[in-house]
Structure formats: structure tokens, C-alpha cells
PDB file of all heavy atoms in Angstrom:
ATOM      1  N   PRO A   1       8.269   4.403  31.148  1.00  0.00           N
ATOM      2  CA  PRO A   1       8.734   3.770  29.930  1.00  0.00           C
ATOM      3  C   PRO A   1       7.937   4.224  28.704  1.00  0.00           C
ATOM      4  O   PRO A   1       8.322   4.303  27.613  1.00  0.00           O
ATOM      5  CB  PRO A   1       8.736   2.234  30.200  1.00  0.00           C
ATOM      6  CG  PRO A   1       8.797   2.177  31.705  1.00  0.00           C
ATOM      7  CD  PRO A   1       8.032   3.362  32.233  1.00  0.00           C
ATOM      8  N   GLU A   2       6.505   4.174  28.966  1.00  0.00           N
ATOM      9  CA  GLU A   2       5.631   4.505  27.847  1.00  0.00           C
ATOM     10  C   GLU A   2       5.913   5.838  27.230  1.00  0.00           C
ATOM     11  O   GLU A   2       5.935   6.037  26.051  1.00  0.00           O
ATOM     12  CB  GLU A   2       4.162   4.402  28.327  1.00  0.00           C
ATOM     13  CG  GLU A   2       3.766   2.997  28.729  1.00  0.00           C
ATOM     14  CD  GLU A   2       4.121   2.660  30.221  1.00  0.00           C
ATOM     15  OE1 GLU A   2       4.679   3.635  30.855  1.00  0.00           O
ATOM     16  OE2 GLU A   2       3.826   1.562  30.689  1.00  0.00           O
ATOM     17  N   LEU A   3       6.132   6.883  28.211  1.00  0.00           N
ATOM     18  CA  LEU A   3       6.364   8.182  27.697  1.00  0.00           C
ATOM     19  C   LEU A   3       7.715   8.271  26.976  1.00  0.00           C
ATOM     20  O   LEU A   3       7.914   8.990  25.995  1.00  0.00           O
ATOM     21  CB  LEU A   3       6.314   9.156  28.883  1.00  0.00           C
ATOM     22  CG  LEU A   3       6.403  10.677  28.543  1.00  0.00           C
ATOM     23  CD1 LEU A   3       5.145  11.063  27.649  1.00  0.00           C
ATOM     24  CD2 LEU A   3       6.293  11.502  29.812  1.00  0.00           C
ATOM     25  N   TYR A   4       8.732   7.508  27.411  1.00  0.00           N
ATOM     26  CA  TYR A   4       9.986   7.445  26.853  1.00  0.00           C
ATOM     27  C   TYR A   4       9.912   6.867  25.427  1.00  0.00           C
ATOM     28  O   TYR A   4      10.468   7.485  24.497  1.00  0.00           O
ATOM     29  CB  TYR A   4      10.960   6.548  27.673  1.00  0.00           C
ATOM     30  CG  TYR A   4      12.381   6.495  27.019  1.00  0.00           C
ATOM     31  CD1 TYR A   4      13.253   7.460  27.169  1.00  0.00           C
ATOM     32  CD2 TYR A   4      12.663   5.307  26.269  1.00  0.00           C
ATOM     33  CE1 TYR A   4      14.568   7.344  26.605  1.00  0.00           C
ATOM     34  CE2 TYR A   4      13.851   5.187  25.704  1.00  0.00           C
ATOM     35  CZ  TYR A   4      14.809   6.139  25.780  1.00  0.00           C
ATOM     36  OH  TYR A   4      15.991   6.027  25.195  1.00  0.00           O
ATOM     37  N   ASP A   5       9.079   5.816  25.205  1.00  0.00           N
ATOM     38  CA  ASP A   5       8.920   5.221  23.940  1.00  0.00           C
ATOM     39  C   ASP A   5       8.281   6.218  22.915  1.00  0.00           C
ATOM     40  O   ASP A   5       8.574   6.376  21.819  1.00  0.00           O
ATOM     41  CB  ASP A   5       8.081   3.898  23.948  1.00  0.00           C
ATOM     42  CG  ASP A   5       8.846   2.839  24.674  1.00  0.00           C
ATOM     43  OD1 ASP A   5      10.058   2.874  24.726  1.00  0.00           O
ATOM     44  OD2 ASP A   5       8.158   1.929  25.213  1.00  0.00           O
ATOM     45  N   LYS A   6       7.203   6.906  23.479  1.00  0.00           N
ATOM     46  CA  LYS A   6       6.439   7.904  22.578  1.00  0.00           C
ATOM     47  C   LYS A   6       7.528   9.030  22.190  1.00  0.00           C
ATOM     48  O   LYS A   6       7.457   9.496  21.027  1.00  0.00           O
ATOM     49  CB  LYS A   6       5.331   8.498  23.384  1.00  0.00           C
ATOM     50  CG  LYS A   6       4.162   7.585  23.583  1.00  0.00           C
ATOM     51  CD  LYS A   6       2.977   8.274  24.300  1.00  0.00           C
ATOM     52  CE  LYS A   6       1.873   7.397  24.435  1.00  0.00           C
ATOM     53  NZ  LYS A   6       0.697   8.107  25.149  1.00  0.00           N
ATOM     54  N   THR A   7       8.255   9.478  23.145  1.00  0.00           N
ATOM     55  CA  THR A   7       9.224  10.564  22.813  1.00  0.00           C
ATOM     56  C   THR A   7      10.209  10.054  21.722  1.00  0.00           C
ATOM     57  O   THR A   7      10.563  10.829  20.803  1.00  0.00           O
ATOM     58  CB  THR A   7      10.023  10.962  24.101  1.00  0.00           C
ATOM     59  OG1 THR A   7       9.034  11.354  25.068  1.00  0.00           O
ATOM     60  CG2 THR A   7      10.901  12.177  23.712  1.00  0.00           C
ATOM     61  N   THR A   8      10.724   8.860  21.883  1.00  0.00           N
ATOM     62  CA  THR A   8      11.663   8.252  20.906  1.00  0.00           C
ATOM     63  C   THR A   8      11.033   8.227  19.576  1.00  0.00           C
ATOM     64  O   THR A   8      11.714   8.507  18.516  1.00  0.00           O
ATOM     65  CB  THR A   8      12.160   6.839  21.354  1.00  0.00           C
ATOM     66  OG1 THR A   8      12.727   7.015  22.717  1.00  0.00           O
ATOM     67  CG2 THR A   8      13.112   6.263  20.396  1.00  0.00           C
ATOM     68  N   ASN A   9       9.820   7.764  19.444  1.00  0.00           N
ATOM     69  CA  ASN A   9       9.085   7.660  18.199  1.00  0.00           C
ATOM     70  C   ASN A   9       8.962   9.093  17.454  1.00  0.00           C
ATOM     71  O   ASN A   9       9.061   9.182  16.309  1.00  0.00           O
ATOM     72  CB  ASN A   9       7.691   6.976  18.427  1.00  0.00           C
ATOM     73  CG  ASN A   9       7.788   5.511  18.789  1.00  0.00           C
ATOM     74  OD1 ASN A   9       8.726   4.879  18.355  1.00  0.00           O
ATOM     75  ND2 ASN A   9       6.808   5.024  19.420  1.00  0.00           N
ATOM     76  N   LEU A  10       8.636  10.078  18.434  1.00  0.00           N
ATOM     77  CA  LEU A  10       8.495  11.405  17.891  1.00  0.00           C
ATOM     78  C   LEU A  10       9.811  11.900  17.330  1.00  0.00           C
ATOM     79  O   LEU A  10       9.874  12.521  16.248  1.00  0.00           O
ATOM     80  CB  LEU A  10       7.951  12.305  18.933  1.00  0.00           C
ATOM     81  CG  LEU A  10       6.494  12.274  19.292  1.00  0.00           C
ATOM     82  CD1 LEU A  10       6.234  13.100  20.523  1.00  0.00           C
ATOM     83  CD2 LEU A  10       5.621  12.627  18.111  1.00  0.00           C
ATOM     84  N   LEU A  11      10.929  11.524  17.943  1.00  0.00           N
ATOM     85  CA  LEU A  11      12.138  11.962  17.483  1.00  0.00           C
ATOM     86  C   LEU A  11      12.546  11.297  16.095  1.00  0.00           C
ATOM     87  O   LEU A  11      13.120  11.865  15.228  1.00  0.00           O
ATOM     88  CB  LEU A  11      13.280  11.627  18.436  1.00  0.00           C
ATOM     89  CG  LEU A  11      13.414  12.546  19.731  1.00  0.00           C
ATOM     90  CD1 LEU A  11      14.302  12.071  20.715  1.00  0.00           C
ATOM     91  CD2 LEU A  11      13.735  13.991  19.331  1.00  0.00           C
ATOM     92  N   ASP A  12      12.219   9.941  16.080  1.00  0.00           N
ATOM     93  CA  ASP A  12      12.416   9.244  14.786  1.00  0.00           C
ATOM     94  C   ASP A  12      11.597   9.837  13.713  1.00  0.00           C
ATOM     95  O   ASP A  12      12.043  10.102  12.484  1.00  0.00           O
ATOM     96  CB  ASP A  12      11.989   7.740  14.966  1.00  0.00           C
ATOM     97  CG  ASP A  12      12.877   6.999  15.833  1.00  0.00           C
ATOM     98  OD1 ASP A  12      14.172   7.513  15.993  1.00  0.00           O
ATOM     99  OD2 ASP A  12      12.602   5.984  16.309  1.00  0.00           O
ATOM    100  N   GLU A  13      10.320  10.220  13.906  1.00  0.00           N
ATOM    101  CA  GLU A  13       9.485  10.851  12.977  1.00  0.00           C
ATOM    102  C   GLU A  13      10.104  12.198  12.498  1.00  0.00           C
ATOM    103  O   GLU A  13      10.041  12.555  11.378  1.00  0.00           O
ATOM    104  CB  GLU A  13       8.077  11.073  13.495  1.00  0.00           C
ATOM    105  CG  GLU A  13       7.064  11.639  12.498  1.00  0.00           C
ATOM    106  CD  GLU A  13       5.675  11.925  13.145  1.00  0.00           C
ATOM    107  OE1 GLU A  13       5.468  11.390  14.295  1.00  0.00           O
ATOM    108  OE2 GLU A  13       4.867  12.448  12.480  1.00  0.00           O
ATOM    109  N   ALA A  14      10.572  12.966  13.467  1.00  0.00           N
ATOM    110  CA  ALA A  14      11.299  14.327  13.153  1.00  0.00           C
ATOM    111  C   ALA A  14      12.443  14.114  12.228  1.00  0.00           C
ATOM    112  O   ALA A  14      12.655  14.776  11.198  1.00  0.00           O
ATOM    113  CB  ALA A  14      11.597  15.062  14.492  1.00  0.00           C
ATOM    114  N   TYR A  15      13.223  13.066  12.547  1.00  0.00           N
ATOM    115  CA  TYR A  15      14.380  12.808  11.730  1.00  0.00           C
ATOM    116  C   TYR A  15      14.023  12.384  10.340  1.00  0.00           C
ATOM    117  O   TYR A  15      14.592  12.920   9.274  1.00  0.00           O
ATOM    118  CB  TYR A  15      15.229  11.643  12.360  1.00  0.00           C
ATOM    119  CG  TYR A  15      16.268  11.045  11.412  1.00  0.00           C
ATOM    120  CD1 TYR A  15      17.396  11.760  11.200  1.00  0.00           C
ATOM    121  CD2 TYR A  15      16.091   9.841  10.772  1.00  0.00           C
ATOM    122  CE1 TYR A  15      18.391  11.265  10.316  1.00  0.00           C
ATOM    123  CE2 TYR A  15      17.039   9.327   9.916  1.00  0.00           C
ATOM    124  CZ  TYR A  15      18.118  10.061   9.584  1.00  0.00           C
ATOM    125  OH  TYR A  15      19.130   9.583   8.896  1.00  0.00           O
ATOM    126  N   LEU A  16      12.957  11.567  10.092  1.00  0.00           N
ATOM    127  CA  LEU A  16      12.514  11.164   8.819  1.00  0.00           C
ATOM    128  C   LEU A  16      11.994  12.405   8.102  1.00  0.00           C
ATOM    129  O   LEU A  16      12.232  12.514   6.895  1.00  0.00           O
ATOM    130  CB  LEU A  16      11.428  10.153   8.924  1.00  0.00           C
ATOM    131  CG  LEU A  16      11.947   8.741   9.445  1.00  0.00           C
ATOM    132  CD1 LEU A  16      10.707   7.741   9.650  1.00  0.00           C
ATOM    133  CD2 LEU A  16      12.902   8.099   8.411  1.00  0.00           C
ATOM    134  N   LYS A  17      11.300  13.281   8.668  1.00  0.00           N
ATOM    135  CA  LYS A  17      10.845  14.455   7.982  1.00  0.00           C
ATOM    136  C   LYS A  17      11.947  15.388   7.494  1.00  0.00           C
ATOM    137  O   LYS A  17      11.945  15.863   6.422  1.00  0.00           O
ATOM    138  CB  LYS A  17       9.935  15.214   8.861  1.00  0.00           C
ATOM    139  CG  LYS A  17       8.464  14.595   9.076  1.00  0.00           C
ATOM    140  CD  LYS A  17       7.546  15.513   9.909  1.00  0.00           C
ATOM    141  CE  LYS A  17       6.176  14.848  10.017  1.00  0.00           C
ATOM    142  NZ  LYS A  17       5.610  14.626   8.717  1.00  0.00           N
ATOM    143  N   ILE A  18      12.976  15.603   8.396  1.00  0.00           N
ATOM    144  CA  ILE A  18      14.134  16.359   8.087  1.00  0.00           C
ATOM    145  C   ILE A  18      14.807  15.685   6.857  1.00  0.00           C
ATOM    146  O   ILE A  18      15.259  16.435   5.870  1.00  0.00           O
ATOM    147  CB  ILE A  18      15.113  16.552   9.208  1.00  0.00           C
ATOM    148  CG1 ILE A  18      14.444  17.335  10.243  1.00  0.00           C
ATOM    149  CG2 ILE A  18      16.429  17.158   8.748  1.00  0.00           C
ATOM    150  CD1 ILE A  18      15.191  17.487  11.697  1.00  0.00           C
ATOM    151  N   ARG A  19      15.024  14.351   6.965  1.00  0.00           N
ATOM    152  CA  ARG A  19      15.703  13.617   5.889  1.00  0.00           C
ATOM    153  C   ARG A  19      14.838  13.797   4.531  1.00  0.00           C
ATOM    154  O   ARG A  19      15.394  13.949   3.406  1.00  0.00           O
ATOM    155  CB  ARG A  19      15.791  12.209   6.205  1.00  0.00           C
ATOM    156  CG  ARG A  19      16.628  11.392   5.292  1.00  0.00           C
ATOM    157  CD  ARG A  19      16.831   9.973   5.854  1.00  0.00           C
ATOM    158  NE  ARG A  19      17.686   9.147   4.927  1.00  0.00           N
ATOM    159  CZ  ARG A  19      17.217   8.450   3.905  1.00  0.00           C
ATOM    160  NH1 ARG A  19      15.926   8.404   3.709  1.00  0.00           N
ATOM    161  NH2 ARG A  19      18.030   7.795   3.108  1.00  0.00           N
ATOM    162  N   SER A  20      13.549  13.736   4.613  1.00  0.00           N
ATOM    163  CA  SER A  20      12.680  13.830   3.464  1.00  0.00           C
ATOM    164  C   SER A  20      12.763  15.271   2.834  1.00  0.00           C
ATOM    165  O   SER A  20      12.910  15.296   1.575  1.00  0.00           O
ATOM    166  CB  SER A  20      11.232  13.646   3.910  1.00  0.00           C
ATOM    167  OG  SER A  20      10.355  13.827   2.800  1.00  0.00           O
ATOM    168  N   ILE A  21      12.834  16.305   3.692  1.00  0.00           N
ATOM    169  CA  ILE A  21      13.006  17.635   3.151  1.00  0.00           C
ATOM    170  C   ILE A  21      14.294  17.753   2.469  1.00  0.00           C
ATOM    171  O   ILE A  21      14.481  18.368   1.399  1.00  0.00           O
ATOM    172  CB  ILE A  21      12.803  18.705   4.363  1.00  0.00           C
ATOM    173  CG1 ILE A  21      11.311  18.702   4.767  1.00  0.00           C
ATOM    174  CG2 ILE A  21      13.169  20.083   3.741  1.00  0.00           C
ATOM    175  CD1 ILE A  21      11.161  19.552   6.035  1.00  0.00           C
ATOM    176  N   ALA A  22      15.416  17.265   3.172  1.00  0.00           N
ATOM    177  CA  ALA A  22      16.768  17.416   2.589  1.00  0.00           C
ATOM    178  C   ALA A  22      16.854  16.592   1.207  1.00  0.00           C
ATOM    179  O   ALA A  22      17.413  17.066   0.311  1.00  0.00           O
ATOM    180  CB  ALA A  22      17.816  16.839   3.570  1.00  0.00           C
ATOM    181  N   HIS A  23      16.185  15.406   1.122  1.00  0.00           N
ATOM    182  CA  HIS A  23      16.196  14.707   0.003  1.00  0.00           C
ATOM    183  C   HIS A  23      15.473  15.377  -1.238  1.00  0.00           C
ATOM    184  O   HIS A  23      15.935  15.357  -2.290  1.00  0.00           O
ATOM    185  CB  HIS A  23      15.542  13.322   0.234  1.00  0.00           C
ATOM    186  CG  HIS A  23      15.455  12.471  -1.018  1.00  0.00           C
ATOM    187  ND1 HIS A  23      16.684  11.849  -1.577  1.00  0.00           N
ATOM    188  CD2 HIS A  23      14.465  12.135  -1.849  1.00  0.00           C
ATOM    189  CE1 HIS A  23      16.254  11.144  -2.662  1.00  0.00           C
ATOM    190  NE2 HIS A  23      14.929  11.330  -2.857  1.00  0.00           N
ATOM    191  N   ALA A  24      14.281  15.999  -0.853  1.00  0.00           N
ATOM    192  CA  ALA A  24      13.609  16.746  -1.781  1.00  0.00           C
ATOM    193  C   ALA A  24      14.371  17.893  -2.379  1.00  0.00           C
ATOM    194  O   ALA A  24      14.281  18.311  -3.521  1.00  0.00           O
ATOM    195  CB  ALA A  24      12.248  17.339  -1.260  1.00  0.00           C
TER     196      ALA A  24
END
């Protein structure tokens, strides 16, 4: 479960970065 949560957080972070670049 711990590794699953870390992976999910990394995916959320990647999504936010892509959204930030698209917004810019």
C-alpha cells in the first residue's frame, strides 16, 4: 500500500506539472 500511495502521488504531481505547462 505504501508504494501504491507514493506512485499515486507521483502521478498527481505529473498531472499538475503538465497542467501548469499547458496553462502557461
